[in-house]
PDB file of N, CA and C in Angstrom:
ATOM      1  N   MET A   1      32.277  22.749-113.721  1.00  0.00           N
ATOM      2  CA  MET A   1      32.434  22.160-114.751  1.00  0.00           C
ATOM      3  C   MET A   1      31.877  20.748-114.577  1.00  0.00           C
ATOM      4  N   ALA A   2      31.351  20.252-115.521  1.00  0.00           N
ATOM      5  CA  ALA A   2      30.447  18.813-115.612  1.00  0.00           C
ATOM      6  C   ALA A   2      31.537  17.736-115.635  1.00  0.00           C
ATOM      7  N   ILE A   3      31.494  16.720-115.179  1.00  0.00           N
ATOM      8  CA  ILE A   3      32.435  15.720-115.221  1.00  0.00           C
ATOM      9  C   ILE A   3      31.826  14.574-116.257  1.00  0.00           C
ATOM     10  N   LEU A   4      33.165  13.906-117.136  1.00  0.00           N
ATOM     11  CA  LEU A   4      32.962  12.971-117.970  1.00  0.00           C
ATOM     12  C   LEU A   4      33.828  11.871-117.659  1.00  0.00           C
ATOM     13  N   ARG A   5      32.861  10.612-117.585  1.00  0.00           N
ATOM     14  CA  ARG A   5      33.701   9.350-116.966  1.00  0.00           C
ATOM     15  C   ARG A   5      33.578   8.539-118.242  1.00  0.00           C
ATOM     16  N   LEU A   6      34.704   7.788-118.398  1.00  0.00           N
ATOM     17  CA  LEU A   6      34.922   6.690-119.565  1.00  0.00           C
ATOM     18  C   LEU A   6      34.934   5.330-118.775  1.00  0.00           C
ATOM     19  N   HIS A   7      34.370   4.456-119.617  1.00  0.00           N
ATOM     20  CA  HIS A   7      34.368   2.892-118.982  1.00  0.00           C
ATOM     21  C   HIS A   7      34.820   1.973-120.117  1.00  0.00           C
ATOM     22  N   GLY A   8      35.395   0.913-119.500  1.00  0.00           N
ATOM     23  CA  GLY A   8      35.553  -0.379-120.371  1.00  0.00           C
ATOM     24  C   GLY A   8      36.762   0.175-121.421  1.00  0.00           C
ATOM     25  N   ILE A   9      36.419  -0.086-122.676  1.00  0.00           N
ATOM     26  CA  ILE A   9      37.567  -0.196-123.602  1.00  0.00           C
ATOM     27  C   ILE A   9      37.571   1.211-123.992  1.00  0.00           C
ATOM     28  N   LEU A  10      36.474   2.219-123.778  1.00  0.00           N
ATOM     29  CA  LEU A  10      36.747   3.612-124.306  1.00  0.00           C
ATOM     30  C   LEU A  10      37.841   4.291-122.929  1.00  0.00           C
ATOM     31  N   LYS A  11      37.895   3.647-121.880  1.00  0.00           N
ATOM     32  CA  LYS A  11      38.801   4.092-120.762  1.00  0.00           C
ATOM     33  C   LYS A  11      40.208   3.697-121.438  1.00  0.00           C
ATOM     34  N   GLU A  12      40.311   2.380-121.639  1.00  0.00           N
ATOM     35  CA  GLU A  12      41.582   1.790-121.901  1.00  0.00           C
ATOM     36  C   GLU A  12      42.118   2.423-123.141  1.00  0.00           C
ATOM     37  N   GLU A  13      41.614   2.354-124.203  1.00  0.00           N
ATOM     38  CA  GLU A  13      41.986   2.914-125.394  1.00  0.00           C
ATOM     39  C   GLU A  13      42.256   4.500-125.404  1.00  0.00           C
ATOM     40  N   SER A  14      41.715   5.282-124.623  1.00  0.00           N
ATOM     41  CA  SER A  14      42.095   6.717-124.572  1.00  0.00           C
ATOM     42  C   SER A  14      43.161   6.900-123.805  1.00  0.00           C
ATOM     43  N   GLY A  15      43.051   6.131-122.482  1.00  0.00           N
ATOM     44  CA  GLY A  15      43.992   6.782-121.659  1.00  0.00           C
ATOM     45  C   GLY A  15      43.253   7.634-120.598  1.00  0.00           C
ATOM     46  N   PHE A  16      42.029   8.064-120.856  1.00  0.00           N
ATOM     47  CA  PHE A  16      41.393   9.008-119.863  1.00  0.00           C
ATOM     48  C   PHE A  16      40.253   7.967-119.145  1.00  0.00           C
ATOM     49  N   SER A  17      40.307   8.087-117.853  1.00  0.00           N
ATOM     50  CA  SER A  17      39.114   7.606-117.044  1.00  0.00           C
ATOM     51  C   SER A  17      37.986   8.572-116.625  1.00  0.00           C
ATOM     52  N   VAL A  18      38.490   9.738-116.244  1.00  0.00           N
ATOM     53  CA  VAL A  18      37.679  11.067-115.892  1.00  0.00           C
ATOM     54  C   VAL A  18      38.248  12.356-116.328  1.00  0.00           C
ATOM     55  N   VAL A  19      37.326  13.127-116.836  1.00  0.00           N
ATOM     56  CA  VAL A  19      37.719  14.585-117.744  1.00  0.00           C
ATOM     57  C   VAL A  19      36.778  15.560-117.112  1.00  0.00           C
ATOM     58  N   ALA A  20      37.241  16.588-116.487  1.00  0.00           N
ATOM     59  CA  ALA A  20      36.372  17.615-116.436  1.00  0.00           C
ATOM     60  C   ALA A  20      35.998  18.435-117.646  1.00  0.00           C
ATOM     61  N   VAL A  21      34.899  18.655-117.996  1.00  0.00           N
ATOM     62  CA  VAL A  21      34.155  19.055-119.282  1.00  0.00           C
ATOM     63  C   VAL A  21      33.535  20.300-119.278  1.00  0.00           C
ATOM     64  N   ARG A  22      33.626  21.121-120.247  1.00  0.00           N
ATOM     65  CA  ARG A  22      33.066  22.219-120.511  1.00  0.00           C
ATOM     66  C   ARG A  22      31.827  22.466-121.566  1.00  0.00           C
ATOM     67  N   GLY A  23      30.615  22.893-121.449  1.00  0.00           N
ATOM     68  CA  GLY A  23      29.854  22.932-122.694  1.00  0.00           C
ATOM     69  C   GLY A  23      28.670  23.107-122.096  1.00  0.00           C
ATOM     70  N   ASN A  24      27.518  24.068-122.931  1.00  0.00           N
ATOM     71  CA  ASN A  24      26.224  24.233-122.625  1.00  0.00           C
ATOM     72  C   ASN A  24      25.121  23.086-122.901  1.00  0.00           C
ATOM     73  N   ASN A  25      25.636  22.142-123.644  1.00  0.00           N
ATOM     74  CA  ASN A  25      24.896  21.055-124.077  1.00  0.00           C
ATOM     75  C   ASN A  25      25.748  19.799-124.278  1.00  0.00           C
ATOM     76  N   LEU A  26      25.318  18.564-124.485  1.00  0.00           N
ATOM     77  CA  LEU A  26      26.013  17.434-124.679  1.00  0.00           C
ATOM     78  C   LEU A  26      27.029  17.502-125.998  1.00  0.00           C
ATOM     79  N   GLU A  27      26.325  17.664-126.941  1.00  0.00           N
ATOM     80  CA  GLU A  27      27.027  18.068-128.313  1.00  0.00           C
ATOM     81  C   GLU A  27      28.027  18.998-128.352  1.00  0.00           C
ATOM     82  N   GLU A  28      28.169  19.739-127.541  1.00  0.00           N
ATOM     83  CA  GLU A  28      29.455  20.933-127.445  1.00  0.00           C
ATOM     84  C   GLU A  28      30.310  20.085-126.520  1.00  0.00           C
ATOM     85  N   VAL A  29      30.156  19.371-125.623  1.00  0.00           N
ATOM     86  CA  VAL A  29      31.120  18.738-124.827  1.00  0.00           C
ATOM     87  C   VAL A  29      31.623  17.754-125.694  1.00  0.00           C
ATOM     88  N   LEU A  30      30.882  16.799-126.516  1.00  0.00           N
ATOM     89  CA  LEU A  30      31.611  15.883-127.087  1.00  0.00           C
ATOM     90  C   LEU A  30      32.319  15.962-128.473  1.00  0.00           C
ATOM     91  N   ALA A  31      32.110  17.415-128.785  1.00  0.00           N
ATOM     92  CA  ALA A  31      32.724  18.068-130.085  1.00  0.00           C
ATOM     93  C   ALA A  31      34.032  18.771-129.420  1.00  0.00           C
ATOM     94  N   ASN A  32      34.411  18.917-128.209  1.00  0.00           N
ATOM     95  CA  ASN A  32      35.452  19.598-127.450  1.00  0.00           C
ATOM     96  C   ASN A  32      36.311  18.531-126.946  1.00  0.00           C
ATOM     97  N   LEU A  33      36.091  17.556-126.872  1.00  0.00           N
ATOM     98  CA  LEU A  33      37.009  16.430-126.217  1.00  0.00           C
ATOM     99  C   LEU A  33      38.352  16.168-126.740  1.00  0.00           C
ATOM    100  N   PRO A  34      39.483  15.677-125.861  1.00  0.00           N
ATOM    101  CA  PRO A  34      40.553  15.387-126.175  1.00  0.00           C
ATOM    102  C   PRO A  34      40.652  14.512-127.568  1.00  0.00           C
ATOM    103  N   GLY A  35      41.487  14.489-128.624  1.00  0.00           N
ATOM    104  CA  GLY A  35      41.558  13.665-129.431  1.00  0.00           C
ATOM    105  C   GLY A  35      41.571  12.225-129.393  1.00  0.00           C
ATOM    106  N   GLU A  36      42.168  11.768-128.253  1.00  0.00           N
ATOM    107  CA  GLU A  36      42.365  10.235-128.045  1.00  0.00           C
ATOM    108  C   GLU A  36      40.682   9.726-127.677  1.00  0.00           C
ATOM    109  N   ILE A  37      39.945  10.462-126.973  1.00  0.00           N
ATOM    110  CA  ILE A  37      38.830  10.274-126.367  1.00  0.00           C
ATOM    111  C   ILE A  37      37.827  10.112-127.711  1.00  0.00           C
ATOM    112  N   LYS A  38      37.949  11.295-128.769  1.00  0.00           N
ATOM    113  CA  LYS A  38      37.142  11.276-129.937  1.00  0.00           C
ATOM    114  C   LYS A  38      37.475  10.226-130.842  1.00  0.00           C
ATOM    115  N   LYS A  39      38.735   9.609-130.872  1.00  0.00           N
ATOM    116  CA  LYS A  39      38.997   8.383-131.644  1.00  0.00           C
ATOM    117  C   LYS A  39      38.428   7.186-131.160  1.00  0.00           C
ATOM    118  N   SER A  40      38.614   6.964-129.832  1.00  0.00           N
ATOM    119  CA  SER A  40      37.818   5.842-129.267  1.00  0.00           C
ATOM    120  C   SER A  40      36.282   5.849-129.470  1.00  0.00           C
ATOM    121  N   ILE A  41      35.547   7.080-129.238  1.00  0.00           N
ATOM    122  CA  ILE A  41      34.155   7.196-129.629  1.00  0.00           C
ATOM    123  C   ILE A  41      33.965   6.871-130.798  1.00  0.00           C
ATOM    124  N   GLU A  42      34.576   7.426-131.989  1.00  0.00           N
ATOM    125  CA  GLU A  42      34.455   7.364-133.434  1.00  0.00           C
ATOM    126  C   GLU A  42      34.538   5.876-133.684  1.00  0.00           C
ATOM    127  N   LYS A  43      35.541   5.170-133.092  1.00  0.00           N
ATOM    128  CA  LYS A  43      35.717   3.785-133.695  1.00  0.00           C
ATOM    129  C   LYS A  43      34.627   2.776-133.087  1.00  0.00           C
ATOM    130  N   TYR A  44      33.789   3.157-131.933  1.00  0.00           N
ATOM    131  CA  TYR A  44      32.817   2.527-131.330  1.00  0.00           C
ATOM    132  C   TYR A  44      31.355   2.935-131.499  1.00  0.00           C
ATOM    133  N   LYS A  45      31.284   4.079-132.252  1.00  0.00           N
ATOM    134  CA  LYS A  45      30.083   4.899-132.371  1.00  0.00           C
ATOM    135  C   LYS A  45      28.918   4.093-132.405  1.00  0.00           C
ATOM    136  N   LYS A  46      28.705   3.045-133.030  1.00  0.00           N
ATOM    137  CA  LYS A  46      27.610   2.407-133.052  1.00  0.00           C
ATOM    138  C   LYS A  46      27.151   1.512-131.944  1.00  0.00           C
ATOM    139  N   HIS A  47      28.090   1.544-130.907  1.00  0.00           N
ATOM    140  CA  HIS A  47      27.800   0.958-129.406  1.00  0.00           C
ATOM    141  C   HIS A  47      27.923   1.618-128.287  1.00  0.00           C
ATOM    142  N   VAL A  48      28.311   2.830-128.539  1.00  0.00           N
ATOM    143  CA  VAL A  48      28.455   3.892-127.185  1.00  0.00           C
ATOM    144  C   VAL A  48      27.151   4.243-126.667  1.00  0.00           C
ATOM    145  N   ILE A  49      26.941   4.070-125.415  1.00  0.00           N
ATOM    146  CA  ILE A  49      25.818   4.437-124.595  1.00  0.00           C
ATOM    147  C   ILE A  49      26.152   5.864-123.779  1.00  0.00           C
ATOM    148  N   VAL A  50      25.576   7.038-124.036  1.00  0.00           N
ATOM    149  CA  VAL A  50      25.742   7.879-122.973  1.00  0.00           C
ATOM    150  C   VAL A  50      24.796   8.342-121.838  1.00  0.00           C
ATOM    151  N   LEU A  51      25.237   8.372-120.755  1.00  0.00           N
ATOM    152  CA  LEU A  51      24.040   8.779-119.745  1.00  0.00           C
ATOM    153  C   LEU A  51      24.441  10.135-119.158  1.00  0.00           C
ATOM    154  N   VAL A  52      23.492  10.673-118.600  1.00  0.00           N
ATOM    155  CA  VAL A  52      23.762  12.048-117.698  1.00  0.00           C
ATOM    156  C   VAL A  52      23.060  11.777-116.675  1.00  0.00           C
ATOM    157  N   ASN A  53      23.817  11.869-115.535  1.00  0.00           N
ATOM    158  CA  ASN A  53      23.344  11.736-114.225  1.00  0.00           C
ATOM    159  C   ASN A  53      22.564  10.258-114.242  1.00  0.00           C
ATOM    160  N   GLY A  54      22.950   9.278-114.745  1.00  0.00           N
ATOM    161  CA  GLY A  54      22.512   8.084-114.491  1.00  0.00           C
ATOM    162  C   GLY A  54      21.418   7.752-115.733  1.00  0.00           C
ATOM    163  N   LYS A  55      20.780   8.692-116.456  1.00  0.00           N
ATOM    164  CA  LYS A  55      19.860   8.509-117.637  1.00  0.00           C
ATOM    165  C   LYS A  55      20.526   8.406-118.833  1.00  0.00           C
ATOM    166  N   ARG A  56      19.878   7.515-119.661  1.00  0.00           N
ATOM    167  CA  ARG A  56      20.297   7.495-121.098  1.00  0.00           C
ATOM    168  C   ARG A  56      19.732   8.415-121.802  1.00  0.00           C
ATOM    169  N   VAL A  57      20.620   9.056-122.568  1.00  0.00           N
ATOM    170  CA  VAL A  57      20.164  10.478-123.489  1.00  0.00           C
ATOM    171  C   VAL A  57      20.552   9.958-124.981  1.00  0.00           C
ATOM    172  N   TYR A  58      19.496  10.369-125.798  1.00  0.00           N
ATOM    173  CA  TYR A  58      19.552  10.318-127.216  1.00  0.00           C
ATOM    174  C   TYR A  58      19.839  11.570-128.053  1.00  0.00           C
ATOM    175  N   GLU A  59      19.332  12.788-127.573  1.00  0.00           N
ATOM    176  CA  GLU A  59      19.435  14.198-128.244  1.00  0.00           C
ATOM    177  C   GLU A  59      20.732  15.135-127.524  1.00  0.00           C
ATOM    178  N   TYR A  60      21.606  14.911-128.354  1.00  0.00           N
ATOM    179  CA  TYR A  60      22.668  15.511-127.668  1.00  0.00           C
ATOM    180  C   TYR A  60      22.817  17.244-127.609  1.00  0.00           C
ATOM    181  N   LYS A  61      22.206  17.570-128.484  1.00  0.00           N
ATOM    182  CA  LYS A  61      21.845  19.070-128.703  1.00  0.00           C
ATOM    183  C   LYS A  61      20.977  19.657-127.765  1.00  0.00           C
ATOM    184  N   GLU A  62      19.781  18.785-127.503  1.00  0.00           N
ATOM    185  CA  GLU A  62      18.990  19.196-126.526  1.00  0.00           C
ATOM    186  C   GLU A  62      19.047  18.969-125.051  1.00  0.00           C
ATOM    187  N   THR A  63      20.251  18.203-124.732  1.00  0.00           N
ATOM    188  CA  THR A  63      20.565  17.641-123.277  1.00  0.00           C
ATOM    189  C   THR A  63      21.408  19.014-123.014  1.00  0.00           C
ATOM    190  N   LEU A  64      20.757  19.785-122.353  1.00  0.00           N
ATOM    191  CA  LEU A  64      21.275  20.809-121.514  1.00  0.00           C
ATOM    192  C   LEU A  64      22.246  20.449-120.242  1.00  0.00           C
ATOM    193  N   LEU A  65      23.472  20.937-120.027  1.00  0.00           N
ATOM    194  CA  LEU A  65      24.116  20.726-118.946  1.00  0.00           C
ATOM    195  C   LEU A  65      24.549  21.771-117.888  1.00  0.00           C
ATOM    196  N   SER A  66      24.778  21.377-116.572  1.00  0.00           N
ATOM    197  CA  SER A  66      24.884  22.214-115.583  1.00  0.00           C
ATOM    198  C   SER A  66      26.138  21.532-115.106  1.00  0.00           C
ATOM    199  N   GLU A  67      26.752  22.439-114.199  1.00  0.00           N
ATOM    200  CA  GLU A  67      28.341  22.034-113.505  1.00  0.00           C
ATOM    201  C   GLU A  67      28.164  20.982-112.828  1.00  0.00           C
ATOM    202  N   GLU A  68      27.221  20.469-112.153  1.00  0.00           N
ATOM    203  CA  GLU A  68      27.074  19.275-111.235  1.00  0.00           C
ATOM    204  C   GLU A  68      26.554  18.078-112.221  1.00  0.00           C
ATOM    205  N   ASP A  69      26.576  18.012-113.358  1.00  0.00           N
ATOM    206  CA  ASP A  69      26.206  16.893-114.296  1.00  0.00           C
ATOM    207  C   ASP A  69      27.457  15.815-114.317  1.00  0.00           C
ATOM    208  N   VAL A  70      26.920  14.535-114.214  1.00  0.00           N
ATOM    209  CA  VAL A  70      27.921  13.310-114.793  1.00  0.00           C
ATOM    210  C   VAL A  70      27.504  12.611-115.861  1.00  0.00           C
ATOM    211  N   ILE A  71      28.502  12.795-116.887  1.00  0.00           N
ATOM    212  CA  ILE A  71      28.175  12.235-118.031  1.00  0.00           C
ATOM    213  C   ILE A  71      29.148  10.929-117.960  1.00  0.00           C
ATOM    214  N   ASP A  72      28.434   9.625-118.464  1.00  0.00           N
ATOM    215  CA  ASP A  72      29.171   8.563-118.643  1.00  0.00           C
ATOM    216  C   ASP A  72      29.071   7.879-120.111  1.00  0.00           C
ATOM    217  N   LEU A  73      30.139   7.692-120.391  1.00  0.00           N
ATOM    218  CA  LEU A  73      30.239   6.964-121.806  1.00  0.00           C
ATOM    219  C   LEU A  73      30.874   5.508-121.762  1.00  0.00           C
ATOM    220  N   THR A  74      29.888   4.416-121.973  1.00  0.00           N
ATOM    221  CA  THR A  74      29.941   3.187-122.235  1.00  0.00           C
ATOM    222  C   THR A  74      29.896   2.428-123.270  1.00  0.00           C
ATOM    223  N   LEU A  75      29.981   1.201-123.419  1.00  0.00           N
ATOM    224  CA  LEU A  75      29.647   0.519-124.465  1.00  0.00           C
ATOM    225  C   LEU A  75      28.568  -0.618-124.267  1.00  0.00           C
ATOM    226  N   VAL A  76      27.596  -0.872-125.387  1.00  0.00           N
ATOM    227  CA  VAL A  76      26.807  -1.957-124.884  1.00  0.00           C
ATOM    228  C   VAL A  76      27.583  -3.302-124.802  1.00  0.00           C
ATOM    229  N   VAL A  77      26.848  -4.048-123.874  1.00  0.00           N
ATOM    230  CA  VAL A  77      27.511  -5.163-123.547  1.00  0.00           C
ATOM    231  C   VAL A  77      26.564  -6.190-123.748  1.00  0.00           C
ATOM    232  N   GLY A  78      26.862  -7.388-124.656  1.00  0.00           N
ATOM    233  CA  GLY A  78      25.685  -8.482-124.928  1.00  0.00           C
ATOM    234  C   GLY A  78      26.519  -9.908-124.499  1.00  0.00           C
ATOM    235  N   GLY A  79      25.562 -10.828-124.352  1.00  0.00           N
ATOM    236  CA  GLY A  79      26.240 -12.004-123.988  1.00  0.00           C
ATOM    237  C   GLY A  79      25.083 -13.059-123.803  1.00  0.00           C
ATOM    238  N   GLY A  80      25.179 -14.137-123.445  1.00  0.00           N
ATOM    239  CA  GLY A  80      24.133 -15.293-123.439  1.00  0.00           C
ATOM    240  C   GLY A  80      24.241 -16.158-122.467  1.00  0.00           C
TER     241      GLY A  80
END
């Protein structure tokens, strides 16, 4: 199983920090997440950054996953 790690407000609001996930691609994984995580992602969807093994991904359906992959969900941070 791949590992999904949540960071920042996504972690705080969903109550999850690490989740073992199954799916052939990133789209399947995100579709099958627990409801609390989905709600947080939906709430901040314009600001969510998705990383697979440390590299940012944009094409969820085309991003194939293996059992060793680590998926990170975090939010864009701004400041000045």
